[in-house]
Amino acid sequence: MKKVLVTAFEPYDRWKTNASWLTLVHLTQELPAEPAITTRLYPVDFAAVQRKLSEDLEGNYDYALHLGQAPGSGRIQLEAVGINVGGSSSQSPDQFRPLVEDGPVAYRSELPLGEWSVKLRRMGIPAQVSFHAGTHLCNATLYLSCHLARQMSLSTQSGFVHVPLDLSQTAGLPQDLPALCAATSAAALRMILEDLARGTD
């Protein structure tokens, strides 16, 4: 049976919850029979994420699927590329630094993101492939997951999925922000996991 590591993030800044974790909680209420899934909740902290990723990837998973929330987006975004640069939202871009000194400029996910986006849209779930995961922790997670797997000589294939805010997060806001209920995001994640269980070859 295929093994998949699925991670999500804790709340940060003004958000009292995180749509990635809400999605993962919904998923666990109705897990697919396969693959074998291990879930993790990561803090919003660069050093902690790198440490936890290194520890978790030692489980030698077939796939590592990382979730993050994307305020302002109304679609599931399947991130194709992680770049070797990062910084926190409190820093200016000229303060950003390489995630890995002398590391590759970028890693591209080997997962069938285009096929997944088509399948999700056929299910009535808005989805698209994205070629820029930003320069903050979500991008760093994808990049480091790919880099650590290579460093550790693992066959793990990594991917990152940005989910929209959950409706519960936007209900009391003064501004109008796109949202998608976490149950729908979980349905998208379930389809992806079932596809991974069948293999991506």
C-alpha atoms as a PDB file:
ATOM      1  CA  MET A   1       0.000   0.000   0.000  1.00  0.00           C
ATOM      2  CA  LYS A   2       1.252   3.482  -0.871  1.00  0.00           C
ATOM      3  CA  LYS A   3       2.230   5.713   2.060  1.00  0.00           C
ATOM      4  CA  VAL A   4       1.459   9.442   2.059  1.00  0.00           C
ATOM      5  CA  LEU A   5       2.507  12.160   4.472  1.00  0.00           C
ATOM      6  CA  VAL A   6      -0.064  14.984   4.586  1.00  0.00           C
ATOM      7  CA  THR A   7       0.815  18.194   6.429  1.00  0.00           C
ATOM      8  CA  ALA A   8      -1.099  21.360   7.305  1.00  0.00           C
ATOM      9  CA  PHE A   9      -0.323  24.577   9.156  1.00  0.00           C
ATOM     10  CA  GLU A  10      -1.322  26.159  12.433  1.00  0.00           C
ATOM     11  CA  PRO A  11      -3.080  29.562  12.523  1.00  0.00           C
ATOM     12  CA  TYR A  12      -0.966  32.668  11.936  1.00  0.00           C
ATOM     13  CA  ASP A  13      -1.271  36.467  11.956  1.00  0.00           C
ATOM     14  CA  ARG A  14      -4.934  37.511  12.169  1.00  0.00           C
ATOM     15  CA  TRP A  15      -6.301  34.073  11.289  1.00  0.00           C
ATOM     16  CA  LYS A  16      -7.634  32.204  14.326  1.00  0.00           C
ATOM     17  CA  THR A  17      -7.872  28.996  12.282  1.00  0.00           C
ATOM     18  CA  ASN A  18      -6.082  27.747   9.194  1.00  0.00           C
ATOM     19  CA  ALA A  19      -8.016  26.442   6.185  1.00  0.00           C
ATOM     20  CA  SER A  20      -5.337  23.807   5.535  1.00  0.00           C
ATOM     21  CA  TRP A  21      -5.904  22.248   8.952  1.00  0.00           C
ATOM     22  CA  LEU A  22      -9.694  22.552   8.680  1.00  0.00           C
ATOM     23  CA  THR A  23      -9.433  20.694   5.366  1.00  0.00           C
ATOM     24  CA  LEU A  24      -7.325  17.960   6.912  1.00  0.00           C
ATOM     25  CA  VAL A  25      -9.739  17.586   9.841  1.00  0.00           C
ATOM     26  CA  HIS A  26     -12.623  17.135   7.386  1.00  0.00           C
ATOM     27  CA  LEU A  27     -10.595  14.584   5.455  1.00  0.00           C
ATOM     28  CA  THR A  28      -9.967  12.471   8.559  1.00  0.00           C
ATOM     29  CA  GLN A  29     -13.720  12.205   9.129  1.00  0.00           C
ATOM     30  CA  GLU A  30     -13.939  10.119   5.949  1.00  0.00           C
ATOM     31  CA  LEU A  31     -10.545   8.758   5.014  1.00  0.00           C
ATOM     32  CA  PRO A  32     -10.150   6.803   1.784  1.00  0.00           C
ATOM     33  CA  ALA A  33      -9.399   3.091   2.236  1.00  0.00           C
ATOM     34  CA  GLU A  34      -6.044   3.665   0.539  1.00  0.00           C
ATOM     35  CA  PRO A  35      -3.362   5.022   0.682  1.00  0.00           C
ATOM     36  CA  ALA A  36      -1.990   4.801   4.216  1.00  0.00           C
ATOM     37  CA  ILE A  37      -2.052   8.389   5.463  1.00  0.00           C
ATOM     38  CA  THR A  38       0.042  10.067   8.152  1.00  0.00           C
ATOM     39  CA  THR A  39      -1.007  13.592   9.144  1.00  0.00           C
ATOM     40  CA  ARG A  40       1.065  16.345  10.710  1.00  0.00           C
ATOM     41  CA  LEU A  41       0.327  19.880  11.932  1.00  0.00           C
ATOM     42  CA  TYR A  42       3.249  22.261  11.413  1.00  0.00           C
ATOM     43  CA  PRO A  43       3.893  25.600  13.125  1.00  0.00           C
ATOM     44  CA  VAL A  44       4.272  28.693  10.966  1.00  0.00           C
ATOM     45  CA  ASP A  45       8.017  28.905  11.509  1.00  0.00           C
ATOM     46  CA  PHE A  46      10.772  28.322   8.942  1.00  0.00           C
ATOM     47  CA  ALA A  47      13.281  26.568  11.216  1.00  0.00           C
ATOM     48  CA  ALA A  48      10.651  24.357  12.856  1.00  0.00           C
ATOM     49  CA  VAL A  49       9.201  23.306   9.504  1.00  0.00           C
ATOM     50  CA  GLN A  50      12.627  22.351   8.165  1.00  0.00           C
ATOM     51  CA  ARG A  51      13.359  20.321  11.290  1.00  0.00           C
ATOM     52  CA  LYS A  52       9.983  18.568  11.299  1.00  0.00           C
ATOM     53  CA  LEU A  53      10.150  17.853   7.578  1.00  0.00           C
ATOM     54  CA  SER A  54      13.546  16.250   8.007  1.00  0.00           C
ATOM     55  CA  GLU A  55      12.208  14.074  10.834  1.00  0.00           C
ATOM     56  CA  ASP A  56       8.963  13.129   9.099  1.00  0.00           C
ATOM     57  CA  LEU A  57      10.497  12.294   5.739  1.00  0.00           C
ATOM     58  CA  GLU A  58      12.578   9.636   7.457  1.00  0.00           C
ATOM     59  CA  GLY A  59       9.340   7.612   7.305  1.00  0.00           C
ATOM     60  CA  ASN A  60      10.231   7.070   3.625  1.00  0.00           C
ATOM     61  CA  TYR A  61       6.796   7.899   2.225  1.00  0.00           C
ATOM     62  CA  ASP A  62       5.862   7.393  -1.387  1.00  0.00           C
ATOM     63  CA  TYR A  63       4.408  10.897  -1.445  1.00  0.00           C
ATOM     64  CA  ALA A  64       4.475  14.029   0.708  1.00  0.00           C
ATOM     65  CA  LEU A  65       1.492  16.301   0.194  1.00  0.00           C
ATOM     66  CA  HIS A  66       1.614  19.663   1.937  1.00  0.00           C
ATOM     67  CA  LEU A  67      -1.381  21.959   2.459  1.00  0.00           C
ATOM     68  CA  GLY A  68      -1.518  25.697   3.050  1.00  0.00           C
ATOM     69  CA  GLN A  69      -4.200  28.359   2.943  1.00  0.00           C
ATOM     70  CA  ALA A  70      -4.319  31.054   0.279  1.00  0.00           C
ATOM     71  CA  PRO A  71      -6.306  34.137   1.354  1.00  0.00           C
ATOM     72  CA  GLY A  72      -7.683  35.902  -1.697  1.00  0.00           C
ATOM     73  CA  SER A  73      -7.938  32.766  -3.847  1.00  0.00           C
ATOM     74  CA  GLY A  74     -11.210  31.019  -4.604  1.00  0.00           C
ATOM     75  CA  ARG A  75      -9.587  27.974  -6.206  1.00  0.00           C
ATOM     76  CA  ILE A  76      -7.610  24.924  -5.193  1.00  0.00           C
ATOM     77  CA  GLN A  77      -4.094  25.759  -6.387  1.00  0.00           C
ATOM     78  CA  LEU A  78      -1.760  22.893  -7.231  1.00  0.00           C
ATOM     79  CA  GLU A  79       1.729  24.334  -6.881  1.00  0.00           C
ATOM     80  CA  ALA A  80       4.175  23.222  -9.540  1.00  0.00           C
ATOM     81  CA  VAL A  81       7.391  24.945  -8.467  1.00  0.00           C
ATOM     82  CA  GLY A  82       9.249  25.645  -5.235  1.00  0.00           C
ATOM     83  CA  ILE A  83      12.030  28.231  -5.509  1.00  0.00           C
ATOM     84  CA  ASN A  84      15.187  28.585  -3.444  1.00  0.00           C
ATOM     85  CA  VAL A  85      14.374  31.864  -1.743  1.00  0.00           C
ATOM     86  CA  GLY A  86      12.316  32.778   1.272  1.00  0.00           C
ATOM     87  CA  GLY A  87      11.498  35.236   3.979  1.00  0.00           C
ATOM     88  CA  SER A  88       8.768  36.096   6.445  1.00  0.00           C
ATOM     89  CA  SER A  89       5.944  38.558   5.811  1.00  0.00           C
ATOM     90  CA  SER A  90       7.651  40.985   8.220  1.00  0.00           C
ATOM     91  CA  GLN A  91      10.722  41.211   5.952  1.00  0.00           C
ATOM     92  CA  SER A  92      11.207  43.223   2.792  1.00  0.00           C
ATOM     93  CA  PRO A  93      12.147  41.275  -0.369  1.00  0.00           C
ATOM     94  CA  ASP A  94      15.734  42.521  -0.261  1.00  0.00           C
ATOM     95  CA  GLN A  95      16.110  40.731   3.090  1.00  0.00           C
ATOM     96  CA  PHE A  96      15.070  37.342   1.678  1.00  0.00           C
ATOM     97  CA  ARG A  97      17.753  34.675   1.535  1.00  0.00           C
ATOM     98  CA  PRO A  98      18.261  31.286  -0.158  1.00  0.00           C
ATOM     99  CA  LEU A  99      16.521  28.467   1.669  1.00  0.00           C
ATOM    100  CA  VAL A 100      19.520  26.225   0.960  1.00  0.00           C
ATOM    101  CA  GLU A 101      22.920  27.787   0.278  1.00  0.00           C
ATOM    102  CA  ASP A 102      24.215  26.473  -3.068  1.00  0.00           C
ATOM    103  CA  GLY A 103      20.985  24.517  -3.509  1.00  0.00           C
ATOM    104  CA  PRO A 104      19.207  24.218  -6.881  1.00  0.00           C
ATOM    105  CA  VAL A 105      17.390  27.348  -8.007  1.00  0.00           C
ATOM    106  CA  ALA A 106      14.064  25.495  -7.971  1.00  0.00           C
ATOM    107  CA  TYR A 107      12.348  22.127  -7.805  1.00  0.00           C
ATOM    108  CA  ARG A 108       9.366  21.214  -9.931  1.00  0.00           C
ATOM    109  CA  SER A 109       6.825  18.765  -8.556  1.00  0.00           C
ATOM    110  CA  GLU A 110       6.707  15.507 -10.492  1.00  0.00           C
ATOM    111  CA  LEU A 111       3.072  14.874  -9.583  1.00  0.00           C
ATOM    112  CA  PRO A 112       0.336  14.983 -12.301  1.00  0.00           C
ATOM    113  CA  LEU A 113      -0.977  18.399 -11.337  1.00  0.00           C
ATOM    114  CA  GLY A 114      -2.547  19.151 -14.708  1.00  0.00           C
ATOM    115  CA  GLU A 115      -4.519  15.912 -14.679  1.00  0.00           C
ATOM    116  CA  TRP A 116      -5.695  16.596 -11.145  1.00  0.00           C
ATOM    117  CA  SER A 117      -6.866  20.093 -11.988  1.00  0.00           C
ATOM    118  CA  VAL A 118      -8.965  18.720 -14.858  1.00  0.00           C
ATOM    119  CA  LYS A 119     -10.462  15.986 -12.672  1.00  0.00           C
ATOM    120  CA  LEU A 120     -11.299  18.458  -9.913  1.00  0.00           C
ATOM    121  CA  ARG A 121     -13.023  20.853 -12.294  1.00  0.00           C
ATOM    122  CA  ARG A 122     -15.054  17.944 -13.663  1.00  0.00           C
ATOM    123  CA  MET A 123     -16.151  17.330 -10.069  1.00  0.00           C
ATOM    124  CA  GLY A 124     -17.316  20.939  -9.892  1.00  0.00           C
ATOM    125  CA  ILE A 125     -14.404  22.028  -7.709  1.00  0.00           C
ATOM    126  CA  PRO A 126     -12.529  25.123  -8.903  1.00  0.00           C
ATOM    127  CA  ALA A 127      -8.868  24.219  -9.364  1.00  0.00           C
ATOM    128  CA  GLN A 128      -5.808  25.233 -11.337  1.00  0.00           C
ATOM    129  CA  VAL A 129      -2.094  24.579 -11.609  1.00  0.00           C
ATOM    130  CA  SER A 130      -0.061  27.440 -10.125  1.00  0.00           C
ATOM    131  CA  PHE A 131       3.547  28.157 -11.052  1.00  0.00           C
ATOM    132  CA  HIS A 132       4.405  30.444  -8.146  1.00  0.00           C
ATOM    133  CA  ALA A 133       3.841  29.407  -4.524  1.00  0.00           C
ATOM    134  CA  GLY A 134       5.082  32.770  -3.273  1.00  0.00           C
ATOM    135  CA  THR A 135       8.268  33.390  -1.318  1.00  0.00           C
ATOM    136  CA  HIS A 136       7.097  32.598   2.190  1.00  0.00           C
ATOM    137  CA  LEU A 137       6.639  29.379   4.146  1.00  0.00           C
ATOM    138  CA  CYS A 138       4.389  27.529   1.677  1.00  0.00           C
ATOM    139  CA  ASN A 139       6.970  27.834  -1.076  1.00  0.00           C
ATOM    140  CA  ALA A 140       9.705  26.896   1.409  1.00  0.00           C
ATOM    141  CA  THR A 141       7.830  23.763   2.431  1.00  0.00           C
ATOM    142  CA  LEU A 142       7.582  22.531  -1.155  1.00  0.00           C
ATOM    143  CA  TYR A 143      11.204  23.371  -1.912  1.00  0.00           C
ATOM    144  CA  LEU A 144      12.579  21.834   1.283  1.00  0.00           C
ATOM    145  CA  SER A 145      10.438  18.718   0.945  1.00  0.00           C
ATOM    146  CA  CYS A 146      11.864  18.090  -2.528  1.00  0.00           C
ATOM    147  CA  HIS A 147      15.407  18.986  -1.460  1.00  0.00           C
ATOM    148  CA  LEU A 148      15.437  16.866   1.692  1.00  0.00           C
ATOM    149  CA  ALA A 149      14.057  13.871  -0.206  1.00  0.00           C
ATOM    150  CA  ARG A 150      16.925  14.195  -2.676  1.00  0.00           C
ATOM    151  CA  GLN A 151      19.497  14.676   0.088  1.00  0.00           C
ATOM    152  CA  MET A 152      18.199  11.624   1.942  1.00  0.00           C
ATOM    153  CA  SER A 153      18.085   9.521  -1.260  1.00  0.00           C
ATOM    154  CA  LEU A 154      14.350   8.968  -0.888  1.00  0.00           C
ATOM    155  CA  SER A 155      11.886   8.151  -3.646  1.00  0.00           C
ATOM    156  CA  THR A 156       9.318  10.478  -2.036  1.00  0.00           C
ATOM    157  CA  GLN A 157       7.509  12.726  -4.510  1.00  0.00           C
ATOM    158  CA  SER A 158       6.356  16.013  -3.017  1.00  0.00           C
ATOM    159  CA  GLY A 159       3.535  18.398  -3.808  1.00  0.00           C
ATOM    160  CA  PHE A 160       1.897  21.469  -2.339  1.00  0.00           C
ATOM    161  CA  VAL A 161      -1.801  22.330  -2.420  1.00  0.00           C
ATOM    162  CA  HIS A 162      -3.071  25.796  -1.558  1.00  0.00           C
ATOM    163  CA  VAL A 163      -6.699  25.794  -0.410  1.00  0.00           C
ATOM    164  CA  PRO A 164      -8.984  28.846  -0.200  1.00  0.00           C
ATOM    165  CA  LEU A 165     -10.132  30.229   3.113  1.00  0.00           C
ATOM    166  CA  ASP A 166     -13.007  28.324   4.693  1.00  0.00           C
ATOM    167  CA  LEU A 167     -16.394  30.050   4.847  1.00  0.00           C
ATOM    168  CA  SER A 168     -16.149  30.151   8.642  1.00  0.00           C
ATOM    169  CA  GLN A 169     -13.017  32.311   8.363  1.00  0.00           C
ATOM    170  CA  THR A 170     -14.629  34.972   6.179  1.00  0.00           C
ATOM    171  CA  ALA A 171     -18.133  35.213   7.698  1.00  0.00           C
ATOM    172  CA  GLY A 172     -17.301  38.025  10.116  1.00  0.00           C
ATOM    173  CA  LEU A 173     -14.837  39.984   7.994  1.00  0.00           C
ATOM    174  CA  PRO A 174     -15.610  43.542   6.881  1.00  0.00           C
ATOM    175  CA  GLN A 175     -14.141  42.889   3.419  1.00  0.00           C
ATOM    176  CA  ASP A 176     -15.355  40.408   0.810  1.00  0.00           C
ATOM    177  CA  LEU A 177     -12.856  37.543   0.392  1.00  0.00           C
ATOM    178  CA  PRO A 178     -13.216  34.412  -1.746  1.00  0.00           C
ATOM    179  CA  ALA A 179     -13.850  31.234   0.233  1.00  0.00           C
ATOM    180  CA  LEU A 180     -14.589  27.546  -0.252  1.00  0.00           C
ATOM    181  CA  CYS A 181     -16.010  25.324   2.459  1.00  0.00           C
ATOM    182  CA  ALA A 182     -13.394  23.037   4.006  1.00  0.00           C
ATOM    183  CA  ALA A 183     -15.557  20.015   3.192  1.00  0.00           C
ATOM    184  CA  THR A 184     -15.167  20.812  -0.525  1.00  0.00           C
ATOM    185  CA  SER A 185     -11.415  21.285  -0.161  1.00  0.00           C
ATOM    186  CA  ALA A 186     -11.316  17.939   1.661  1.00  0.00           C
ATOM    187  CA  ALA A 187     -13.199  16.309  -1.223  1.00  0.00           C
ATOM    188  CA  ALA A 188     -10.522  17.641  -3.578  1.00  0.00           C
ATOM    189  CA  LEU A 189      -7.780  16.262  -1.337  1.00  0.00           C
ATOM    190  CA  ARG A 190      -9.571  12.909  -1.129  1.00  0.00           C
ATOM    191  CA  MET A 191      -9.644  12.631  -4.924  1.00  0.00           C
ATOM    192  CA  ILE A 192      -5.911  13.401  -5.086  1.00  0.00           C
ATOM    193  CA  LEU A 193      -5.121  10.787  -2.439  1.00  0.00           C
ATOM    194  CA  GLU A 194      -7.211   8.140  -4.168  1.00  0.00           C
ATOM    195  CA  ASP A 195      -5.336   8.918  -7.362  1.00  0.00           C
ATOM    196  CA  LEU A 196      -2.030   8.522  -5.535  1.00  0.00           C
ATOM    197  CA  ALA A 197      -3.186   5.183  -4.174  1.00  0.00           C
ATOM    198  CA  ARG A 198      -3.568   3.963  -7.747  1.00  0.00           C
ATOM    199  CA  GLY A 199      -0.071   5.244  -8.570  1.00  0.00           C
ATOM    200  CA  THR A 200       0.955   8.118 -10.801  1.00  0.00           C
ATOM    201  CA  ASP A 201       3.039   6.168 -13.317  1.00  0.00           C
END
